[in-house]
Amino acid sequence: MINLEHSEHRVIAVHTINDDLFELLVERNGMEFTPGDCVAVYTEQDQSRPYSIASGSDQDILRFLIREMDGGEVSPWLRKRKPGEMVRITPPFGWFRPGQEIGNHPFVFLATGTGIAPFIAYMETFNHPPAAILYGVRRTADAFGFSRLRTFCPETRLAVSREASSEHHHGRLTDLLPDLPRTENMHYYSCGLESMVNDTAAWLQENGIPLSQIHREVFFHG
């Protein structure tokens, strides 16, 4: 794990989304960050995992979207935190900058699971929506923030892999790649499971998108 200094942040709330997904809210304490940044969050036993910030850069809180892993060292501990307790967090780090540093070029977001976090941070910070959002989840109940994302970007589509849905695509996010807008200057930001990120990058390159317009961030759980 990256060895960085850390500060203590008071827990505001832990919101259960479903049986293995939850939202952790802590006080910001003046931390400066950019959408796309991660921090490492520590347990009392000095175990840590990186989590992408899912709040806006001008909001007073830090929000994290976390999947609890059976046998995990960090996520089960975080889920048990109570309001008023303290957690230790490093300064932000990272290089993933969704929708930023590309001038006025159009862009697309692609996410699976908790990989939606940096795109929620973007939505909470900026007023300029992407050309499209593809969001892949196992179950419809996993689609955190979907309604708000669709309001922000009407061209938001959901792919649900493990249950049939009359409203959304039943299958993998990568099934929807042929429907993506493709223009000469379009940039593509993908975040989430390594298989999706790699498969998406390969498909885009096979279809003529240069690597310089493909931006990737792989998420791991623990």
C-alpha atoms as a PDB file:
ATOM      1  CA  MET A   1       0.000   0.000   0.000  1.00  0.00           C
ATOM      2  CA  ILE A   2       1.216   3.520  -0.729  1.00  0.00           C
ATOM      3  CA  ASN A   3       2.845   4.937   2.396  1.00  0.00           C
ATOM      4  CA  LEU A   4       1.333   8.372   2.889  1.00  0.00           C
ATOM      5  CA  GLU A   5       0.577  10.553   5.865  1.00  0.00           C
ATOM      6  CA  HIS A   6      -3.031  10.525   6.967  1.00  0.00           C
ATOM      7  CA  SER A   7      -5.644  12.565   8.828  1.00  0.00           C
ATOM      8  CA  GLU A   8      -8.632  11.596  10.935  1.00  0.00           C
ATOM      9  CA  HIS A   9     -12.165  12.129   9.644  1.00  0.00           C
ATOM     10  CA  ARG A  10     -15.363  11.768  11.623  1.00  0.00           C
ATOM     11  CA  VAL A  11     -17.967   9.344  10.301  1.00  0.00           C
ATOM     12  CA  ILE A  12     -21.256  11.037   9.404  1.00  0.00           C
ATOM     13  CA  ALA A  13     -23.185   7.943   8.320  1.00  0.00           C
ATOM     14  CA  VAL A  14     -23.007   4.504   6.769  1.00  0.00           C
ATOM     15  CA  HIS A  15     -25.925   3.934   4.391  1.00  0.00           C
ATOM     16  CA  THR A  16     -26.809   0.401   3.344  1.00  0.00           C
ATOM     17  CA  ILE A  17     -27.596   0.148  -0.371  1.00  0.00           C
ATOM     18  CA  ASN A  18     -28.079  -3.624  -0.459  1.00  0.00           C
ATOM     19  CA  ASP A  19     -26.633  -6.748   1.148  1.00  0.00           C
ATOM     20  CA  ASP A  20     -23.052  -6.094   0.041  1.00  0.00           C
ATOM     21  CA  LEU A  21     -22.972  -2.478  -1.118  1.00  0.00           C
ATOM     22  CA  PHE A  22     -22.849   0.546   1.168  1.00  0.00           C
ATOM     23  CA  GLU A  23     -22.086   4.256   1.194  1.00  0.00           C
ATOM     24  CA  LEU A  24     -19.640   5.731   3.717  1.00  0.00           C
ATOM     25  CA  LEU A  25     -19.912   9.451   4.467  1.00  0.00           C
ATOM     26  CA  VAL A  26     -17.227  11.246   6.484  1.00  0.00           C
ATOM     27  CA  GLU A  27     -16.394  14.855   7.247  1.00  0.00           C
ATOM     28  CA  ARG A  28     -14.184  16.455   4.635  1.00  0.00           C
ATOM     29  CA  ASN A  29     -11.986  18.472   7.015  1.00  0.00           C
ATOM     30  CA  GLY A  30     -10.855  20.804   4.259  1.00  0.00           C
ATOM     31  CA  MET A  31      -9.328  18.093   2.063  1.00  0.00           C
ATOM     32  CA  GLU A  32      -8.707  19.335  -1.473  1.00  0.00           C
ATOM     33  CA  PHE A  33      -9.288  16.844  -4.274  1.00  0.00           C
ATOM     34  CA  THR A  34     -10.152  16.534  -7.944  1.00  0.00           C
ATOM     35  CA  PRO A  35     -12.831  14.185  -9.340  1.00  0.00           C
ATOM     36  CA  GLY A  36     -11.039  10.948 -10.112  1.00  0.00           C
ATOM     37  CA  ASP A  37      -8.823  11.079  -7.022  1.00  0.00           C
ATOM     38  CA  CYS A  38      -8.522   8.157  -4.605  1.00  0.00           C
ATOM     39  CA  VAL A  39      -7.578   8.006  -0.948  1.00  0.00           C
ATOM     40  CA  ALA A  40      -6.427   5.105   1.206  1.00  0.00           C
ATOM     41  CA  VAL A  41      -8.712   4.410   4.178  1.00  0.00           C
ATOM     42  CA  TYR A  42      -7.235   2.654   7.229  1.00  0.00           C
ATOM     43  CA  THR A  43      -8.627   0.294   9.847  1.00  0.00           C
ATOM     44  CA  GLU A  44      -7.567   0.314  13.490  1.00  0.00           C
ATOM     45  CA  GLN A  45      -5.149  -2.507  12.603  1.00  0.00           C
ATOM     46  CA  ASP A  46      -3.407  -0.334   9.974  1.00  0.00           C
ATOM     47  CA  GLN A  47      -4.855  -2.283   7.065  1.00  0.00           C
ATOM     48  CA  SER A  48      -5.890  -0.065   4.182  1.00  0.00           C
ATOM     49  CA  ARG A  49      -7.534  -0.038   0.778  1.00  0.00           C
ATOM     50  CA  PRO A  50      -7.813   2.701  -1.856  1.00  0.00           C
ATOM     51  CA  TYR A  51     -11.269   4.089  -2.572  1.00  0.00           C
ATOM     52  CA  SER A  52     -12.292   6.637  -5.175  1.00  0.00           C
ATOM     53  CA  ILE A  53     -14.023   9.742  -3.848  1.00  0.00           C
ATOM     54  CA  ALA A  54     -17.668   9.925  -4.964  1.00  0.00           C
ATOM     55  CA  SER A  55     -18.531  13.450  -3.825  1.00  0.00           C
ATOM     56  CA  GLY A  56     -18.219  16.829  -5.484  1.00  0.00           C
ATOM     57  CA  SER A  57     -15.088  18.894  -5.004  1.00  0.00           C
ATOM     58  CA  ASP A  58     -17.137  21.724  -3.487  1.00  0.00           C
ATOM     59  CA  GLN A  59     -19.219  19.584  -1.102  1.00  0.00           C
ATOM     60  CA  ASP A  60     -18.577  19.448   2.650  1.00  0.00           C
ATOM     61  CA  ILE A  61     -18.390  15.652   2.823  1.00  0.00           C
ATOM     62  CA  LEU A  62     -16.329  12.791   1.476  1.00  0.00           C
ATOM     63  CA  ARG A  63     -18.465   9.999   0.031  1.00  0.00           C
ATOM     64  CA  PHE A  64     -17.241   6.483  -0.740  1.00  0.00           C
ATOM     65  CA  LEU A  65     -19.161   3.735  -2.517  1.00  0.00           C
ATOM     66  CA  ILE A  66     -17.889   0.424  -1.115  1.00  0.00           C
ATOM     67  CA  ARG A  67     -18.603  -3.222  -1.814  1.00  0.00           C
ATOM     68  CA  GLU A  68     -18.234  -5.415   1.278  1.00  0.00           C
ATOM     69  CA  MET A  69     -16.117  -8.459   0.492  1.00  0.00           C
ATOM     70  CA  ASP A  70     -16.518 -11.734   2.385  1.00  0.00           C
ATOM     71  CA  GLY A  71     -13.297 -12.222   4.308  1.00  0.00           C
ATOM     72  CA  GLY A  72     -12.119  -8.723   3.437  1.00  0.00           C
ATOM     73  CA  GLU A  73      -9.808  -6.897   5.823  1.00  0.00           C
ATOM     74  CA  VAL A  74     -11.119  -3.366   5.332  1.00  0.00           C
ATOM     75  CA  SER A  75     -14.624  -3.206   3.830  1.00  0.00           C
ATOM     76  CA  PRO A  76     -16.376  -5.235   6.619  1.00  0.00           C
ATOM     77  CA  TRP A  77     -14.710  -3.025   9.234  1.00  0.00           C
ATOM     78  CA  LEU A  78     -15.807   0.160   7.476  1.00  0.00           C
ATOM     79  CA  ARG A  79     -19.385  -1.064   7.191  1.00  0.00           C
ATOM     80  CA  LYS A  80     -19.557  -1.380  10.989  1.00  0.00           C
ATOM     81  CA  ARG A  81     -18.497   2.211  11.675  1.00  0.00           C
ATOM     82  CA  LYS A  82     -20.923   4.379  13.645  1.00  0.00           C
ATOM     83  CA  PRO A  83     -21.572   8.133  13.378  1.00  0.00           C
ATOM     84  CA  GLY A  84     -19.024  10.016  15.433  1.00  0.00           C
ATOM     85  CA  GLU A  85     -16.282   7.406  15.114  1.00  0.00           C
ATOM     86  CA  MET A  86     -13.045   8.346  13.376  1.00  0.00           C
ATOM     87  CA  VAL A  87     -11.371   6.831  10.340  1.00  0.00           C
ATOM     88  CA  ARG A  88      -7.901   7.603   9.047  1.00  0.00           C
ATOM     89  CA  ILE A  89      -7.556   8.732   5.452  1.00  0.00           C
ATOM     90  CA  THR A  90      -4.524   9.649   3.344  1.00  0.00           C
ATOM     91  CA  PRO A  91      -4.297  12.736   1.161  1.00  0.00           C
ATOM     92  CA  PRO A  92      -5.818  12.195  -2.284  1.00  0.00           C
ATOM     93  CA  PHE A  93      -3.779  10.690  -5.085  1.00  0.00           C
ATOM     94  CA  GLY A  94      -4.279   9.444  -8.623  1.00  0.00           C
ATOM     95  CA  TRP A  95      -4.115  10.382 -12.277  1.00  0.00           C
ATOM     96  CA  PHE A  96      -7.612   9.452 -13.542  1.00  0.00           C
ATOM     97  CA  ARG A  97      -9.326  12.694 -14.604  1.00  0.00           C
ATOM     98  CA  PRO A  98     -12.725  11.926 -16.170  1.00  0.00           C
ATOM     99  CA  GLY A  99     -13.871  14.623 -18.548  1.00  0.00           C
ATOM    100  CA  GLN A 100     -10.939  16.863 -17.655  1.00  0.00           C
ATOM    101  CA  GLU A 101      -7.664  17.914 -19.297  1.00  0.00           C
ATOM    102  CA  ILE A 102      -8.976  17.250 -22.829  1.00  0.00           C
ATOM    103  CA  GLY A 103     -10.090  20.756 -23.794  1.00  0.00           C
ATOM    104  CA  ASN A 104     -13.528  20.877 -25.408  1.00  0.00           C
ATOM    105  CA  HIS A 105     -13.409  17.354 -26.815  1.00  0.00           C
ATOM    106  CA  PRO A 106     -16.496  15.172 -26.227  1.00  0.00           C
ATOM    107  CA  PHE A 107     -16.227  12.179 -23.925  1.00  0.00           C
ATOM    108  CA  VAL A 108     -17.972   9.032 -22.697  1.00  0.00           C
ATOM    109  CA  PHE A 109     -18.030   7.335 -19.277  1.00  0.00           C
ATOM    110  CA  LEU A 110     -18.052   3.540 -18.839  1.00  0.00           C
ATOM    111  CA  ALA A 111     -18.265   1.951 -15.388  1.00  0.00           C
ATOM    112  CA  THR A 112     -18.953  -1.332 -13.665  1.00  0.00           C
ATOM    113  CA  GLY A 113     -20.005  -1.597 -10.025  1.00  0.00           C
ATOM    114  CA  THR A 114     -18.298   0.820  -7.652  1.00  0.00           C
ATOM    115  CA  GLY A 115     -16.296   2.096 -10.618  1.00  0.00           C
ATOM    116  CA  ILE A 116     -19.113   4.616 -11.021  1.00  0.00           C
ATOM    117  CA  ALA A 117     -17.660   6.582  -8.070  1.00  0.00           C
ATOM    118  CA  PRO A 118     -15.333   8.954  -9.969  1.00  0.00           C
ATOM    119  CA  PHE A 119     -18.087   9.683 -12.476  1.00  0.00           C
ATOM    120  CA  ILE A 120     -20.472  10.582  -9.657  1.00  0.00           C
ATOM    121  CA  ALA A 121     -17.756  12.905  -8.344  1.00  0.00           C
ATOM    122  CA  TYR A 122     -17.589  14.473 -11.804  1.00  0.00           C
ATOM    123  CA  MET A 123     -21.384  14.859 -11.923  1.00  0.00           C
ATOM    124  CA  GLU A 124     -21.393  16.509  -8.479  1.00  0.00           C
ATOM    125  CA  THR A 125     -18.667  18.958  -9.539  1.00  0.00           C
ATOM    126  CA  PHE A 126     -19.208  19.935 -13.171  1.00  0.00           C
ATOM    127  CA  ASN A 127     -22.214  20.996 -15.262  1.00  0.00           C
ATOM    128  CA  HIS A 128     -21.006  19.589 -18.599  1.00  0.00           C
ATOM    129  CA  PRO A 129     -22.345  16.035 -19.111  1.00  0.00           C
ATOM    130  CA  PRO A 130     -20.642  13.336 -21.172  1.00  0.00           C
ATOM    131  CA  ALA A 131     -22.027  12.290 -24.543  1.00  0.00           C
ATOM    132  CA  ALA A 132     -23.057   8.946 -23.025  1.00  0.00           C
ATOM    133  CA  ILE A 133     -22.688   6.795 -19.912  1.00  0.00           C
ATOM    134  CA  LEU A 134     -22.646   2.989 -19.888  1.00  0.00           C
ATOM    135  CA  TYR A 135     -23.059   1.498 -16.404  1.00  0.00           C
ATOM    136  CA  GLY A 136     -22.721  -2.232 -15.784  1.00  0.00           C
ATOM    137  CA  VAL A 137     -24.000  -3.905 -12.606  1.00  0.00           C
ATOM    138  CA  ARG A 138     -24.863  -7.413 -11.451  1.00  0.00           C
ATOM    139  CA  ARG A 139     -28.361  -6.497 -10.252  1.00  0.00           C
ATOM    140  CA  THR A 140     -30.571  -3.467 -10.731  1.00  0.00           C
ATOM    141  CA  ALA A 141     -30.320  -2.787  -6.984  1.00  0.00           C
ATOM    142  CA  ASP A 142     -26.562  -2.267  -7.432  1.00  0.00           C
ATOM    143  CA  ALA A 143     -27.057   0.731  -9.733  1.00  0.00           C
ATOM    144  CA  PHE A 144     -26.155   3.458  -7.248  1.00  0.00           C
ATOM    145  CA  GLY A 145     -27.141   6.931  -8.434  1.00  0.00           C
ATOM    146  CA  PHE A 146     -28.593   5.709 -11.729  1.00  0.00           C
ATOM    147  CA  SER A 147     -31.603   8.057 -11.762  1.00  0.00           C
ATOM    148  CA  ARG A 148     -29.442  11.107 -11.104  1.00  0.00           C
ATOM    149  CA  LEU A 149     -26.910  10.010 -13.690  1.00  0.00           C
ATOM    150  CA  ARG A 150     -29.660   9.647 -16.298  1.00  0.00           C
ATOM    151  CA  THR A 151     -30.988  13.107 -15.443  1.00  0.00           C
ATOM    152  CA  PHE A 152     -27.473  14.518 -15.781  1.00  0.00           C
ATOM    153  CA  CYS A 153     -26.839  12.593 -19.012  1.00  0.00           C
ATOM    154  CA  PRO A 154     -29.999  11.359 -20.802  1.00  0.00           C
ATOM    155  CA  GLU A 155     -27.839   8.968 -22.866  1.00  0.00           C
ATOM    156  CA  THR A 156     -27.162   6.790 -19.807  1.00  0.00           C
ATOM    157  CA  ARG A 157     -27.703   3.053 -20.267  1.00  0.00           C
ATOM    158  CA  LEU A 158     -27.628   0.265 -17.715  1.00  0.00           C
ATOM    159  CA  ALA A 159     -26.395  -3.288 -18.350  1.00  0.00           C
ATOM    160  CA  VAL A 160     -27.556  -5.836 -15.752  1.00  0.00           C
ATOM    161  CA  SER A 161     -25.607  -9.091 -15.922  1.00  0.00           C
ATOM    162  CA  ARG A 162     -27.228 -11.419 -13.371  1.00  0.00           C
ATOM    163  CA  GLU A 163     -30.950 -10.741 -13.593  1.00  0.00           C
ATOM    164  CA  ALA A 164     -33.396 -10.144 -16.404  1.00  0.00           C
ATOM    165  CA  SER A 165     -34.767  -6.632 -16.735  1.00  0.00           C
ATOM    166  CA  SER A 166     -37.556  -5.282 -18.903  1.00  0.00           C
ATOM    167  CA  GLU A 167     -36.125  -1.758 -18.697  1.00  0.00           C
ATOM    168  CA  HIS A 168     -32.403  -2.368 -19.131  1.00  0.00           C
ATOM    169  CA  HIS A 169     -30.013  -4.494 -21.162  1.00  0.00           C
ATOM    170  CA  HIS A 170     -29.547  -8.005 -19.761  1.00  0.00           C
ATOM    171  CA  GLY A 171     -25.871  -8.816 -20.218  1.00  0.00           C
ATOM    172  CA  ARG A 172     -22.444  -7.249 -19.991  1.00  0.00           C
ATOM    173  CA  LEU A 173     -21.626  -3.602 -20.452  1.00  0.00           C
ATOM    174  CA  THR A 174     -19.375  -4.570 -23.351  1.00  0.00           C
ATOM    175  CA  ASP A 175     -22.456  -5.744 -25.277  1.00  0.00           C
ATOM    176  CA  LEU A 176     -23.410  -2.071 -25.606  1.00  0.00           C
ATOM    177  CA  LEU A 177     -20.086  -0.844 -26.986  1.00  0.00           C
ATOM    178  CA  PRO A 178     -21.267  -0.859 -30.637  1.00  0.00           C
ATOM    179  CA  ASP A 179     -23.899   1.727 -29.654  1.00  0.00           C
ATOM    180  CA  LEU A 180     -21.329   4.223 -28.349  1.00  0.00           C
ATOM    181  CA  PRO A 181     -20.940   7.540 -30.125  1.00  0.00           C
ATOM    182  CA  ARG A 182     -17.709   7.500 -32.100  1.00  0.00           C
ATOM    183  CA  THR A 183     -16.315  10.731 -33.462  1.00  0.00           C
ATOM    184  CA  GLU A 184     -12.770  11.703 -34.315  1.00  0.00           C
ATOM    185  CA  ASN A 185     -12.092  13.548 -31.051  1.00  0.00           C
ATOM    186  CA  MET A 186     -14.184  11.449 -28.633  1.00  0.00           C
ATOM    187  CA  HIS A 187     -12.453  10.384 -25.391  1.00  0.00           C
ATOM    188  CA  TYR A 188     -13.457   7.281 -23.420  1.00  0.00           C
ATOM    189  CA  TYR A 189     -13.098   6.902 -19.651  1.00  0.00           C
ATOM    190  CA  SER A 190     -13.579   3.424 -18.204  1.00  0.00           C
ATOM    191  CA  CYS A 191     -13.455   2.483 -14.530  1.00  0.00           C
ATOM    192  CA  GLY A 192     -14.270  -0.737 -12.701  1.00  0.00           C
ATOM    193  CA  LEU A 193     -13.470  -4.406 -13.079  1.00  0.00           C
ATOM    194  CA  GLU A 194     -10.221  -5.216 -14.859  1.00  0.00           C
ATOM    195  CA  SER A 195     -11.959  -7.482 -17.377  1.00  0.00           C
ATOM    196  CA  MET A 196     -14.340  -4.721 -18.484  1.00  0.00           C
ATOM    197  CA  VAL A 197     -11.622  -2.078 -18.606  1.00  0.00           C
ATOM    198  CA  ASN A 198      -9.328  -4.275 -20.698  1.00  0.00           C
ATOM    199  CA  ASP A 199     -12.076  -5.600 -22.978  1.00  0.00           C
ATOM    200  CA  THR A 200     -13.366  -2.087 -23.580  1.00  0.00           C
ATOM    201  CA  ALA A 201      -9.915  -0.745 -24.418  1.00  0.00           C
ATOM    202  CA  ALA A 202      -9.293  -3.635 -26.817  1.00  0.00           C
ATOM    203  CA  TRP A 203     -12.649  -3.143 -28.570  1.00  0.00           C
ATOM    204  CA  LEU A 204     -12.137   0.605 -28.925  1.00  0.00           C
ATOM    205  CA  GLN A 205      -8.675   0.149 -30.415  1.00  0.00           C
ATOM    206  CA  GLU A 206      -9.959  -2.520 -32.803  1.00  0.00           C
ATOM    207  CA  ASN A 207     -12.543   0.014 -33.944  1.00  0.00           C
ATOM    208  CA  GLY A 208     -10.082   2.772 -34.668  1.00  0.00           C
ATOM    209  CA  ILE A 209      -9.907   4.707 -31.398  1.00  0.00           C
ATOM    210  CA  PRO A 210      -6.292   5.687 -30.594  1.00  0.00           C
ATOM    211  CA  LEU A 211      -4.919   4.712 -27.197  1.00  0.00           C
ATOM    212  CA  SER A 212      -4.378   8.399 -26.378  1.00  0.00           C
ATOM    213  CA  GLN A 213      -8.184   8.813 -26.242  1.00  0.00           C
ATOM    214  CA  ILE A 214      -8.765   5.822 -23.937  1.00  0.00           C
ATOM    215  CA  HIS A 215      -8.422   6.484 -20.195  1.00  0.00           C
ATOM    216  CA  ARG A 216      -8.552   3.615 -17.695  1.00  0.00           C
ATOM    217  CA  GLU A 217      -8.804   2.988 -13.952  1.00  0.00           C
ATOM    218  CA  VAL A 218      -9.053  -0.554 -12.547  1.00  0.00           C
ATOM    219  CA  PHE A 219     -10.832  -1.161  -9.220  1.00  0.00           C
ATOM    220  CA  PHE A 220     -10.020  -3.903  -6.743  1.00  0.00           C
ATOM    221  CA  HIS A 221     -11.977  -4.771  -3.584  1.00  0.00           C
ATOM    222  CA  GLY A 222     -10.934  -5.815  -0.108  1.00  0.00           C
END
